[in-house]
Amino acid sequence: MKQVIVVGAGNWGKNLVRNFYSLGALAGVAEMSPDLRAAIATSFPDTPLYDNFQSALDAEVSAVVLATPAPSHYKLALQALEAGKDVFVEKPMTLKTEEAKHLAEYADRHDRILMVGHLLLYQPAIAWMRDYLASGKAGRVLHVSTQRAKLGKVRREENVWWSFAPHDVSVVLDLLGNPKLQQVKASGHAMLQDGIADHVHVDLRFQGGQTAHIHTSWYYPLNQRSTVVIAEKQMLVYDEVAQTVTVHHKSVDSQLNNQDGGSEIIAVAAAEPLKLECEHFLECLTSRQRPRSDAWNGVAVVEVLEKAQEAIGD
């Protein structure tokens, strides 16, 4: 059933177009650029095309998928919700916490599905870690540390924190069990452009004592993408580059003695996270269940992003 119109067919939007088309759910694409519309017409024949957002809203479909620049997310998502549509909005949900809360509250009041594109939550390795930690085998989760660093695309309109961190923030919150934020400390280093940080470290503390550390850099010699979980009984390491999850049977006991029971690499079935994410959105449209990366997950992520930005001071 063709249920969704994708708004924005640029660098990332074209991937959403491809996935919803392959799932038989693509009802149209809204794109201002004539060249991009022509490319869509060639690659996805018989797909209705719209040259403006309002035309997409007027179409008789139940949902829109927003893959537009981040500053437009709040306005377009609100318009879509007010038009009675369910909405999938790419990360970050908005640039301000209050705007994100407004969207979440509106969606709840009007029984709309509002899902945020926090792609890593649909990565099979992260899903496995979430379920494993929920089983209690590793004990209480104490700390999560993530690193996302490489020689990447340097942007002029946003710093590396806003560009790289939304996915990692969503993973940190998810693996810690979505605790309430208590404190944010951050430092950033602008090496290439005044006022735009290329290298950022953020430390988070949550109510209950759990902590997290997030490092992002697009000016770095190595491609390093990892998530480390430190729990009472075990430690987990997800190497996103190698696509491996390692469980370390290591801990420190009450007498401060090291316990080392070795480690094991877990075989996690490979799957395309974006396809899983798109499938999940379609399932939510049908079942009316709350998405895994729902609007309030989006609010929590934006709150961390915004408070860390204030601490960085760029």
C-alpha atoms as a PDB file:
ATOM      1  CA  MET A   1       0.000   0.000   0.000  1.00  0.00           C
ATOM      2  CA  LYS A   2       1.436   3.374  -1.034  1.00  0.00           C
ATOM      3  CA  GLN A   3       1.248   5.439   2.147  1.00  0.00           C
ATOM      4  CA  VAL A   4       4.065   7.988   2.260  1.00  0.00           C
ATOM      5  CA  ILE A   5       5.406  11.001   0.399  1.00  0.00           C
ATOM      6  CA  VAL A   6       9.095  11.716   0.913  1.00  0.00           C
ATOM      7  CA  VAL A   7       9.852  15.438   1.142  1.00  0.00           C
ATOM      8  CA  GLY A   8      13.412  16.171   0.058  1.00  0.00           C
ATOM      9  CA  ALA A   9      15.336  13.909  -2.344  1.00  0.00           C
ATOM     10  CA  GLY A  10      18.876  15.155  -1.722  1.00  0.00           C
ATOM     11  CA  ASN A  11      21.886  13.272  -0.381  1.00  0.00           C
ATOM     12  CA  TRP A  12      19.988  11.437   2.356  1.00  0.00           C
ATOM     13  CA  GLY A  13      16.440  11.807   1.101  1.00  0.00           C
ATOM     14  CA  LYS A  14      17.204   9.717  -1.978  1.00  0.00           C
ATOM     15  CA  ASN A  15      17.983   6.770   0.329  1.00  0.00           C
ATOM     16  CA  LEU A  16      14.578   7.107   1.971  1.00  0.00           C
ATOM     17  CA  VAL A  17      12.962   7.312  -1.463  1.00  0.00           C
ATOM     18  CA  ARG A  18      14.752   4.116  -2.505  1.00  0.00           C
ATOM     19  CA  ASN A  19      13.690   2.192   0.597  1.00  0.00           C
ATOM     20  CA  PHE A  20      10.050   3.225   0.649  1.00  0.00           C
ATOM     21  CA  TYR A  21       9.852   2.515  -3.095  1.00  0.00           C
ATOM     22  CA  SER A  22      11.289  -0.985  -2.600  1.00  0.00           C
ATOM     23  CA  LEU A  23       8.763  -1.574   0.198  1.00  0.00           C
ATOM     24  CA  GLY A  24       5.897  -0.612  -2.102  1.00  0.00           C
ATOM     25  CA  ALA A  25       4.935   2.330   0.106  1.00  0.00           C
ATOM     26  CA  LEU A  26       6.138   5.348  -1.897  1.00  0.00           C
ATOM     27  CA  ALA A  27       3.153   7.491  -2.904  1.00  0.00           C
ATOM     28  CA  GLY A  28       5.209  10.421  -4.163  1.00  0.00           C
ATOM     29  CA  VAL A  29       8.238  12.675  -3.772  1.00  0.00           C
ATOM     30  CA  ALA A  30       8.230  16.416  -3.093  1.00  0.00           C
ATOM     31  CA  GLU A  31      11.392  18.181  -4.246  1.00  0.00           C
ATOM     32  CA  MET A  32      12.052  21.793  -5.242  1.00  0.00           C
ATOM     33  CA  SER A  33      15.046  21.045  -7.480  1.00  0.00           C
ATOM     34  CA  PRO A  34      14.071  20.283 -11.116  1.00  0.00           C
ATOM     35  CA  ASP A  35      17.258  18.253 -11.555  1.00  0.00           C
ATOM     36  CA  LEU A  36      16.511  16.061  -8.550  1.00  0.00           C
ATOM     37  CA  ARG A  37      12.907  15.585  -9.674  1.00  0.00           C
ATOM     38  CA  ALA A  38      14.198  14.481 -13.080  1.00  0.00           C
ATOM     39  CA  ALA A  39      16.557  12.002 -11.427  1.00  0.00           C
ATOM     40  CA  ILE A  40      13.712  10.565  -9.340  1.00  0.00           C
ATOM     41  CA  ALA A  41      11.506  10.261 -12.441  1.00  0.00           C
ATOM     42  CA  THR A  42      14.246   8.246 -14.152  1.00  0.00           C
ATOM     43  CA  SER A  43      15.071   5.974 -11.232  1.00  0.00           C
ATOM     44  CA  PHE A  44      11.541   5.482  -9.904  1.00  0.00           C
ATOM     45  CA  PRO A  45       9.135   5.657 -12.850  1.00  0.00           C
ATOM     46  CA  ASP A  46       5.424   6.303 -12.289  1.00  0.00           C
ATOM     47  CA  THR A  47       6.157   7.990  -8.938  1.00  0.00           C
ATOM     48  CA  PRO A  48       4.090  11.191  -8.535  1.00  0.00           C
ATOM     49  CA  LEU A  49       6.303  14.264  -8.173  1.00  0.00           C
ATOM     50  CA  TYR A  50       5.540  17.556  -6.405  1.00  0.00           C
ATOM     51  CA  ASP A  51       7.518  20.768  -6.695  1.00  0.00           C
ATOM     52  CA  ASN A  52       6.347  22.197  -3.351  1.00  0.00           C
ATOM     53  CA  PHE A  53       5.460  21.037   0.136  1.00  0.00           C
ATOM     54  CA  GLN A  54       1.851  22.228   0.128  1.00  0.00           C
ATOM     55  CA  SER A  55       1.023  20.075  -2.876  1.00  0.00           C
ATOM     56  CA  ALA A  56       2.352  17.065  -1.002  1.00  0.00           C
ATOM     57  CA  LEU A  57       0.172  17.903   2.003  1.00  0.00           C
ATOM     58  CA  ASP A  58      -2.880  18.197  -0.232  1.00  0.00           C
ATOM     59  CA  ALA A  59      -2.331  14.685  -1.620  1.00  0.00           C
ATOM     60  CA  GLU A  60      -4.483  11.884  -0.247  1.00  0.00           C
ATOM     61  CA  VAL A  61      -1.802   9.998   1.673  1.00  0.00           C
ATOM     62  CA  SER A  62      -1.565   9.253   5.364  1.00  0.00           C
ATOM     63  CA  ALA A  63       2.058  10.175   6.059  1.00  0.00           C
ATOM     64  CA  VAL A  64       5.003  12.329   5.041  1.00  0.00           C
ATOM     65  CA  VAL A  65       8.716  11.706   5.499  1.00  0.00           C
ATOM     66  CA  LEU A  66      10.806  14.835   6.008  1.00  0.00           C
ATOM     67  CA  ALA A  67      14.394  14.734   4.727  1.00  0.00           C
ATOM     68  CA  THR A  68      14.850  18.490   4.492  1.00  0.00           C
ATOM     69  CA  PRO A  69      17.517  20.704   6.146  1.00  0.00           C
ATOM     70  CA  ALA A  70      17.326  20.627   9.957  1.00  0.00           C
ATOM     71  CA  PRO A  71      16.225  24.292  10.390  1.00  0.00           C
ATOM     72  CA  SER A  72      13.027  23.476   8.453  1.00  0.00           C
ATOM     73  CA  HIS A  73      12.035  20.425  10.494  1.00  0.00           C
ATOM     74  CA  TYR A  74       9.895  22.152  13.121  1.00  0.00           C
ATOM     75  CA  LYS A  75       7.841  24.228  10.698  1.00  0.00           C
ATOM     76  CA  LEU A  76       7.270  21.457   8.170  1.00  0.00           C
ATOM     77  CA  ALA A  77       6.529  18.777  10.768  1.00  0.00           C
ATOM     78  CA  LEU A  78       3.995  21.023  12.473  1.00  0.00           C
ATOM     79  CA  GLN A  79       2.295  21.815   9.156  1.00  0.00           C
ATOM     80  CA  ALA A  80       2.101  18.126   8.338  1.00  0.00           C
ATOM     81  CA  LEU A  81       0.663  17.226  11.759  1.00  0.00           C
ATOM     82  CA  GLU A  82      -1.891  20.030  11.473  1.00  0.00           C
ATOM     83  CA  ALA A  83      -2.864  18.643   8.050  1.00  0.00           C
ATOM     84  CA  GLY A  84      -3.686  15.325   9.736  1.00  0.00           C
ATOM     85  CA  LYS A  85      -0.608  13.433   8.555  1.00  0.00           C
ATOM     86  CA  ASP A  86       1.609  11.024  10.427  1.00  0.00           C
ATOM     87  CA  VAL A  87       5.224  12.163  10.235  1.00  0.00           C
ATOM     88  CA  PHE A  88       8.704  10.677  10.016  1.00  0.00           C
ATOM     89  CA  VAL A  89      11.287  13.451  10.479  1.00  0.00           C
ATOM     90  CA  GLU A  90      15.010  13.025  10.029  1.00  0.00           C
ATOM     91  CA  LYS A  91      17.449  13.848  12.815  1.00  0.00           C
ATOM     92  CA  PRO A  92      17.748  16.195  14.562  1.00  0.00           C
ATOM     93  CA  MET A  93      14.013  16.474  15.201  1.00  0.00           C
ATOM     94  CA  THR A  94      14.352  20.239  15.726  1.00  0.00           C
ATOM     95  CA  LEU A  95      17.080  22.661  16.767  1.00  0.00           C
ATOM     96  CA  LYS A  96      15.331  23.718  19.995  1.00  0.00           C
ATOM     97  CA  THR A  97      13.982  21.619  22.855  1.00  0.00           C
ATOM     98  CA  GLU A  98      10.828  23.703  23.231  1.00  0.00           C
ATOM     99  CA  GLU A  99       9.976  23.211  19.551  1.00  0.00           C
ATOM    100  CA  ALA A 100      10.510  19.461  19.886  1.00  0.00           C
ATOM    101  CA  LYS A 101       8.235  19.353  22.949  1.00  0.00           C
ATOM    102  CA  HIS A 102       5.545  21.266  21.067  1.00  0.00           C
ATOM    103  CA  LEU A 103       5.586  18.720  18.249  1.00  0.00           C
ATOM    104  CA  ALA A 104       5.519  15.775  20.674  1.00  0.00           C
ATOM    105  CA  GLU A 105       2.624  17.224  22.640  1.00  0.00           C
ATOM    106  CA  TYR A 106       0.674  18.024  19.480  1.00  0.00           C
ATOM    107  CA  ALA A 107       1.177  14.493  18.123  1.00  0.00           C
ATOM    108  CA  ASP A 108       0.014  12.955  21.408  1.00  0.00           C
ATOM    109  CA  ARG A 109      -3.087  15.157  21.626  1.00  0.00           C
ATOM    110  CA  HIS A 110      -4.149  14.344  18.076  1.00  0.00           C
ATOM    111  CA  ASP A 111      -3.152  10.659  18.042  1.00  0.00           C
ATOM    112  CA  ARG A 112      -0.579  11.161  15.306  1.00  0.00           C
ATOM    113  CA  ILE A 113       2.466   8.967  14.742  1.00  0.00           C
ATOM    114  CA  LEU A 114       5.602  11.121  15.003  1.00  0.00           C
ATOM    115  CA  MET A 115       8.854   9.235  14.509  1.00  0.00           C
ATOM    116  CA  VAL A 116      12.418  10.576  14.449  1.00  0.00           C
ATOM    117  CA  GLY A 117      15.134   9.169  12.182  1.00  0.00           C
ATOM    118  CA  HIS A 118      17.583   7.994  14.830  1.00  0.00           C
ATOM    119  CA  LEU A 119      19.033   5.379  12.504  1.00  0.00           C
ATOM    120  CA  LEU A 120      21.443   3.672  14.927  1.00  0.00           C
ATOM    121  CA  LEU A 121      18.548   2.491  17.102  1.00  0.00           C
ATOM    122  CA  TYR A 122      17.643   0.222  14.183  1.00  0.00           C
ATOM    123  CA  GLN A 123      21.163  -1.104  13.713  1.00  0.00           C
ATOM    124  CA  PRO A 124      20.925  -4.839  14.592  1.00  0.00           C
ATOM    125  CA  ALA A 125      24.053  -4.665  16.777  1.00  0.00           C
ATOM    126  CA  ILE A 126      22.609  -1.837  18.889  1.00  0.00           C
ATOM    127  CA  ALA A 127      19.264  -3.628  19.112  1.00  0.00           C
ATOM    128  CA  TRP A 128      21.081  -6.749  20.323  1.00  0.00           C
ATOM    129  CA  MET A 129      22.968  -4.744  22.959  1.00  0.00           C
ATOM    130  CA  ARG A 130      19.742  -3.101  24.146  1.00  0.00           C
ATOM    131  CA  ASP A 131      18.014  -6.462  24.573  1.00  0.00           C
ATOM    132  CA  TYR A 132      21.076  -8.044  26.193  1.00  0.00           C
ATOM    133  CA  LEU A 133      21.399  -5.245  28.739  1.00  0.00           C
ATOM    134  CA  ALA A 134      17.663  -5.418  29.444  1.00  0.00           C
ATOM    135  CA  SER A 135      18.081  -9.121  30.314  1.00  0.00           C
ATOM    136  CA  GLY A 136      20.223  -8.126  33.310  1.00  0.00           C
ATOM    137  CA  LYS A 137      23.111 -10.470  32.448  1.00  0.00           C
ATOM    138  CA  ALA A 138      25.609  -7.603  32.448  1.00  0.00           C
ATOM    139  CA  GLY A 139      24.226  -6.038  35.612  1.00  0.00           C
ATOM    140  CA  ARG A 140      23.314  -2.389  36.010  1.00  0.00           C
ATOM    141  CA  VAL A 141      24.666  -0.164  33.267  1.00  0.00           C
ATOM    142  CA  LEU A 142      27.003   2.440  34.764  1.00  0.00           C
ATOM    143  CA  HIS A 143      28.502   4.263  31.801  1.00  0.00           C
ATOM    144  CA  VAL A 144      28.292   4.476  28.003  1.00  0.00           C
ATOM    145  CA  SER A 145      31.032   5.997  25.876  1.00  0.00           C
ATOM    146  CA  THR A 146      30.803   6.671  22.126  1.00  0.00           C
ATOM    147  CA  GLN A 147      33.297   7.880  19.564  1.00  0.00           C
ATOM    148  CA  ARG A 148      32.529   9.079  16.020  1.00  0.00           C
ATOM    149  CA  ALA A 149      35.664  10.488  14.439  1.00  0.00           C
ATOM    150  CA  LYS A 150      37.102  10.581  10.931  1.00  0.00           C
ATOM    151  CA  LEU A 151      38.360  12.931   8.249  1.00  0.00           C
ATOM    152  CA  GLY A 152      34.810  13.814   7.236  1.00  0.00           C
ATOM    153  CA  LYS A 153      32.775  16.392   5.376  1.00  0.00           C
ATOM    154  CA  VAL A 154      33.320  19.757   7.059  1.00  0.00           C
ATOM    155  CA  ARG A 155      30.218  21.950   7.085  1.00  0.00           C
ATOM    156  CA  ARG A 156      29.826  25.698   7.234  1.00  0.00           C
ATOM    157  CA  GLU A 157      26.270  25.824   8.579  1.00  0.00           C
ATOM    158  CA  GLU A 158      26.685  23.550  11.638  1.00  0.00           C
ATOM    159  CA  ASN A 159      29.447  22.188  13.841  1.00  0.00           C
ATOM    160  CA  VAL A 160      30.519  18.548  14.163  1.00  0.00           C
ATOM    161  CA  TRP A 161      28.410  18.116  17.304  1.00  0.00           C
ATOM    162  CA  TRP A 162      25.124  18.789  15.505  1.00  0.00           C
ATOM    163  CA  SER A 163      26.297  16.908  12.414  1.00  0.00           C
ATOM    164  CA  PHE A 164      27.613  13.713  14.010  1.00  0.00           C
ATOM    165  CA  ALA A 165      26.195  13.437  17.539  1.00  0.00           C
ATOM    166  CA  PRO A 166      22.387  12.981  17.228  1.00  0.00           C
ATOM    167  CA  HIS A 167      22.671   9.246  16.486  1.00  0.00           C
ATOM    168  CA  ASP A 168      25.142   8.682  19.330  1.00  0.00           C
ATOM    169  CA  VAL A 169      23.059  10.643  21.805  1.00  0.00           C
ATOM    170  CA  SER A 170      20.034   8.508  20.928  1.00  0.00           C
ATOM    171  CA  VAL A 171      22.088   5.332  21.481  1.00  0.00           C
ATOM    172  CA  VAL A 172      23.467   6.548  24.818  1.00  0.00           C
ATOM    173  CA  LEU A 173      19.976   7.305  26.114  1.00  0.00           C
ATOM    174  CA  ASP A 174      18.627   3.994  24.822  1.00  0.00           C
ATOM    175  CA  LEU A 175      21.346   1.808  26.344  1.00  0.00           C
ATOM    176  CA  LEU A 176      21.156   3.616  29.678  1.00  0.00           C
ATOM    177  CA  GLY A 177      17.408   3.039  29.837  1.00  0.00           C
ATOM    178  CA  ASN A 178      16.362   6.620  29.008  1.00  0.00           C
ATOM    179  CA  PRO A 179      17.263   8.244  32.341  1.00  0.00           C
ATOM    180  CA  LYS A 180      16.568  11.887  33.091  1.00  0.00           C
ATOM    181  CA  LEU A 181      19.396  14.268  32.279  1.00  0.00           C
ATOM    182  CA  GLN A 182      21.023  15.986  35.264  1.00  0.00           C
ATOM    183  CA  GLN A 183      24.230  17.672  34.054  1.00  0.00           C
ATOM    184  CA  VAL A 184      26.076  18.433  30.822  1.00  0.00           C
ATOM    185  CA  LYS A 185      29.726  19.419  30.441  1.00  0.00           C
ATOM    186  CA  ALA A 186      31.263  20.052  27.034  1.00  0.00           C
ATOM    187  CA  SER A 187      34.321  21.397  25.277  1.00  0.00           C
ATOM    188  CA  GLY A 188      34.862  22.127  21.614  1.00  0.00           C
ATOM    189  CA  HIS A 189      37.837  23.088  19.465  1.00  0.00           C
ATOM    190  CA  ALA A 190      37.353  25.144  16.281  1.00  0.00           C
ATOM    191  CA  MET A 191      40.446  24.518  14.163  1.00  0.00           C
ATOM    192  CA  LEU A 192      39.267  25.228  10.625  1.00  0.00           C
ATOM    193  CA  GLN A 193      36.605  27.947  10.935  1.00  0.00           C
ATOM    194  CA  ASP A 194      35.984  30.519  13.649  1.00  0.00           C
ATOM    195  CA  GLY A 195      33.061  29.556  15.836  1.00  0.00           C
ATOM    196  CA  ILE A 196      32.413  26.139  14.256  1.00  0.00           C
ATOM    197  CA  ALA A 197      33.771  23.309  16.391  1.00  0.00           C
ATOM    198  CA  ASP A 198      35.543  20.491  14.553  1.00  0.00           C
ATOM    199  CA  HIS A 199      36.340  18.418  17.643  1.00  0.00           C
ATOM    200  CA  VAL A 200      33.917  18.033  20.585  1.00  0.00           C
ATOM    201  CA  HIS A 201      33.908  16.113  23.891  1.00  0.00           C
ATOM    202  CA  VAL A 202      30.706  15.952  25.962  1.00  0.00           C
ATOM    203  CA  ASP A 203      30.201  14.429  29.421  1.00  0.00           C
ATOM    204  CA  LEU A 204      26.690  13.637  30.646  1.00  0.00           C
ATOM    205  CA  ARG A 205      25.422  12.788  34.120  1.00  0.00           C
ATOM    206  CA  PHE A 206      21.936  11.428  34.742  1.00  0.00           C
ATOM    207  CA  GLN A 207      19.681  11.131  37.756  1.00  0.00           C
ATOM    208  CA  GLY A 208      20.615   7.905  39.500  1.00  0.00           C
ATOM    209  CA  GLY A 209      24.327   8.379  38.854  1.00  0.00           C
ATOM    210  CA  GLN A 210      24.768   6.928  35.353  1.00  0.00           C
ATOM    211  CA  THR A 211      27.218   8.778  33.100  1.00  0.00           C
ATOM    212  CA  ALA A 212      28.208   8.993  29.445  1.00  0.00           C
ATOM    213  CA  HIS A 213      30.930  10.447  27.272  1.00  0.00           C
ATOM    214  CA  ILE A 214      30.537  11.379  23.582  1.00  0.00           C
ATOM    215  CA  HIS A 215      33.439  12.312  21.300  1.00  0.00           C
ATOM    216  CA  THR A 216      32.858  13.649  17.790  1.00  0.00           C
ATOM    217  CA  SER A 217      35.367  14.910  15.236  1.00  0.00           C
ATOM    218  CA  TRP A 218      35.444  15.408  11.474  1.00  0.00           C
ATOM    219  CA  TYR A 219      39.138  16.406  11.539  1.00  0.00           C
ATOM    220  CA  TYR A 220      40.747  13.156  12.640  1.00  0.00           C
ATOM    221  CA  PRO A 221      43.231  10.777  10.961  1.00  0.00           C
ATOM    222  CA  LEU A 222      41.412   7.516  11.764  1.00  0.00           C
ATOM    223  CA  ASN A 223      37.896   6.289  11.064  1.00  0.00           C
ATOM    224  CA  GLN A 224      36.712   5.362  14.542  1.00  0.00           C
ATOM    225  CA  ARG A 225      33.067   4.643  15.350  1.00  0.00           C
ATOM    226  CA  SER A 226      32.460   2.733  18.543  1.00  0.00           C
ATOM    227  CA  THR A 227      30.160   2.313  21.541  1.00  0.00           C
ATOM    228  CA  VAL A 228      31.486   1.031  24.875  1.00  0.00           C
ATOM    229  CA  VAL A 229      29.168  -0.022  27.699  1.00  0.00           C
ATOM    230  CA  ILE A 230      30.489  -0.464  31.231  1.00  0.00           C
ATOM    231  CA  ALA A 231      28.149  -2.408  33.511  1.00  0.00           C
ATOM    232  CA  GLU A 232      28.485  -3.990  36.949  1.00  0.00           C
ATOM    233  CA  LYS A 233      29.305  -7.507  35.725  1.00  0.00           C
ATOM    234  CA  GLN A 234      30.403  -7.131  32.125  1.00  0.00           C
ATOM    235  CA  MET A 235      31.523  -4.668  29.466  1.00  0.00           C
ATOM    236  CA  LEU A 236      30.304  -4.487  25.855  1.00  0.00           C
ATOM    237  CA  VAL A 237      32.094  -3.002  22.854  1.00  0.00           C
ATOM    238  CA  TYR A 238      30.450  -2.303  19.502  1.00  0.00           C
ATOM    239  CA  ASP A 239      32.904  -1.568  16.700  1.00  0.00           C
ATOM    240  CA  GLU A 240      30.732   0.061  14.036  1.00  0.00           C
ATOM    241  CA  VAL A 241      33.523  -0.034  11.439  1.00  0.00           C
ATOM    242  CA  ALA A 242      34.206  -3.769  11.829  1.00  0.00           C
ATOM    243  CA  GLN A 243      30.531  -4.470  12.657  1.00  0.00           C
ATOM    244  CA  THR A 244      31.371  -6.585  15.701  1.00  0.00           C
ATOM    245  CA  VAL A 245      29.973  -6.766  19.214  1.00  0.00           C
ATOM    246  CA  THR A 246      32.307  -8.088  21.909  1.00  0.00           C
ATOM    247  CA  VAL A 247      31.183  -9.055  25.404  1.00  0.00           C
ATOM    248  CA  HIS A 248      34.008  -8.739  27.934  1.00  0.00           C
ATOM    249  CA  HIS A 249      33.405 -10.793  31.066  1.00  0.00           C
ATOM    250  CA  LYS A 250      35.326  -8.279  33.123  1.00  0.00           C
ATOM    251  CA  SER A 251      34.497  -6.305  36.262  1.00  0.00           C
ATOM    252  CA  VAL A 252      35.827  -5.043  39.575  1.00  0.00           C
ATOM    253  CA  ASP A 253      34.424  -6.681  42.717  1.00  0.00           C
ATOM    254  CA  SER A 254      33.494  -5.119  46.052  1.00  0.00           C
ATOM    255  CA  GLN A 255      37.063  -5.595  47.274  1.00  0.00           C
ATOM    256  CA  LEU A 256      38.341  -3.674  44.224  1.00  0.00           C
ATOM    257  CA  ASN A 257      39.846  -6.791  42.705  1.00  0.00           C
ATOM    258  CA  ASN A 258      39.804  -7.208  38.936  1.00  0.00           C
ATOM    259  CA  GLN A 259      37.713 -10.070  37.583  1.00  0.00           C
ATOM    260  CA  ASP A 260      38.574 -11.219  34.042  1.00  0.00           C
ATOM    261  CA  GLY A 261      36.628 -14.081  32.517  1.00  0.00           C
ATOM    262  CA  GLY A 262      37.771 -13.420  28.966  1.00  0.00           C
ATOM    263  CA  SER A 263      35.699 -12.151  26.091  1.00  0.00           C
ATOM    264  CA  GLU A 264      33.532 -13.392  23.237  1.00  0.00           C
ATOM    265  CA  ILE A 265      32.517 -11.919  19.888  1.00  0.00           C
ATOM    266  CA  ILE A 266      28.785 -12.104  19.281  1.00  0.00           C
ATOM    267  CA  ALA A 267      27.433 -13.015  15.848  1.00  0.00           C
ATOM    268  CA  VAL A 268      24.712 -10.495  14.995  1.00  0.00           C
ATOM    269  CA  ALA A 269      22.729 -10.980  11.810  1.00  0.00           C
ATOM    270  CA  ALA A 270      23.466  -8.289   9.242  1.00  0.00           C
ATOM    271  CA  ALA A 271      20.643  -6.119   7.931  1.00  0.00           C
ATOM    272  CA  GLU A 272      20.276  -2.641   6.456  1.00  0.00           C
ATOM    273  CA  PRO A 273      19.293  -0.353   9.358  1.00  0.00           C
ATOM    274  CA  LEU A 274      17.528   2.155   7.097  1.00  0.00           C
ATOM    275  CA  LYS A 275      15.298  -0.542   5.642  1.00  0.00           C
ATOM    276  CA  LEU A 276      14.446  -1.747   9.161  1.00  0.00           C
ATOM    277  CA  GLU A 277      13.705   1.831  10.198  1.00  0.00           C
ATOM    278  CA  CYS A 278      11.389   2.388   7.224  1.00  0.00           C
ATOM    279  CA  GLU A 279       9.635  -0.930   7.857  1.00  0.00           C
ATOM    280  CA  HIS A 280       9.120   0.046  11.485  1.00  0.00           C
ATOM    281  CA  PHE A 281       7.511   3.348  10.474  1.00  0.00           C
ATOM    282  CA  LEU A 282       5.124   1.531   8.140  1.00  0.00           C
ATOM    283  CA  GLU A 283       4.261  -0.951  10.902  1.00  0.00           C
ATOM    284  CA  CYS A 284       3.480   1.957  13.242  1.00  0.00           C
ATOM    285  CA  LEU A 285       1.210   3.525  10.642  1.00  0.00           C
ATOM    286  CA  THR A 286      -0.823   0.321  10.550  1.00  0.00           C
ATOM    287  CA  SER A 287      -0.759  -0.743  14.200  1.00  0.00           C
ATOM    288  CA  ARG A 288      -0.731   2.793  15.699  1.00  0.00           C
ATOM    289  CA  GLN A 289       1.964   1.651  18.119  1.00  0.00           C
ATOM    290  CA  ARG A 290       4.441   4.175  19.474  1.00  0.00           C
ATOM    291  CA  PRO A 291       7.673   4.138  17.423  1.00  0.00           C
ATOM    292  CA  ARG A 292      10.914   3.004  19.028  1.00  0.00           C
ATOM    293  CA  SER A 293      12.356   6.431  18.163  1.00  0.00           C
ATOM    294  CA  ASP A 294       9.220   8.353  19.034  1.00  0.00           C
ATOM    295  CA  ALA A 295       8.770  12.094  19.446  1.00  0.00           C
ATOM    296  CA  TRP A 296       9.740  12.075  23.119  1.00  0.00           C
ATOM    297  CA  ASN A 297      12.939  10.243  22.254  1.00  0.00           C
ATOM    298  CA  GLY A 298      13.507  13.091  19.817  1.00  0.00           C
ATOM    299  CA  VAL A 299      12.882  15.638  22.572  1.00  0.00           C
ATOM    300  CA  ALA A 300      15.411  13.974  24.889  1.00  0.00           C
ATOM    301  CA  VAL A 301      18.053  13.947  22.164  1.00  0.00           C
ATOM    302  CA  VAL A 302      17.504  17.602  21.250  1.00  0.00           C
ATOM    303  CA  GLU A 303      17.735  18.559  24.945  1.00  0.00           C
ATOM    304  CA  VAL A 304      21.207  16.981  25.165  1.00  0.00           C
ATOM    305  CA  LEU A 305      22.280  18.529  21.868  1.00  0.00           C
ATOM    306  CA  GLU A 306      21.112  21.995  22.861  1.00  0.00           C
ATOM    307  CA  LYS A 307      22.555  21.947  26.392  1.00  0.00           C
ATOM    308  CA  ALA A 308      25.892  20.680  25.141  1.00  0.00           C
ATOM    309  CA  GLN A 309      25.948  23.432  22.513  1.00  0.00           C
ATOM    310  CA  GLU A 310      25.389  26.004  25.255  1.00  0.00           C
ATOM    311  CA  ALA A 311      28.303  24.513  27.204  1.00  0.00           C
ATOM    312  CA  ILE A 312      30.577  24.521  24.132  1.00  0.00           C
ATOM    313  CA  GLY A 313      29.718  28.187  23.631  1.00  0.00           C
ATOM    314  CA  ASP A 314      30.202  28.373  19.848  1.00  0.00           C
END
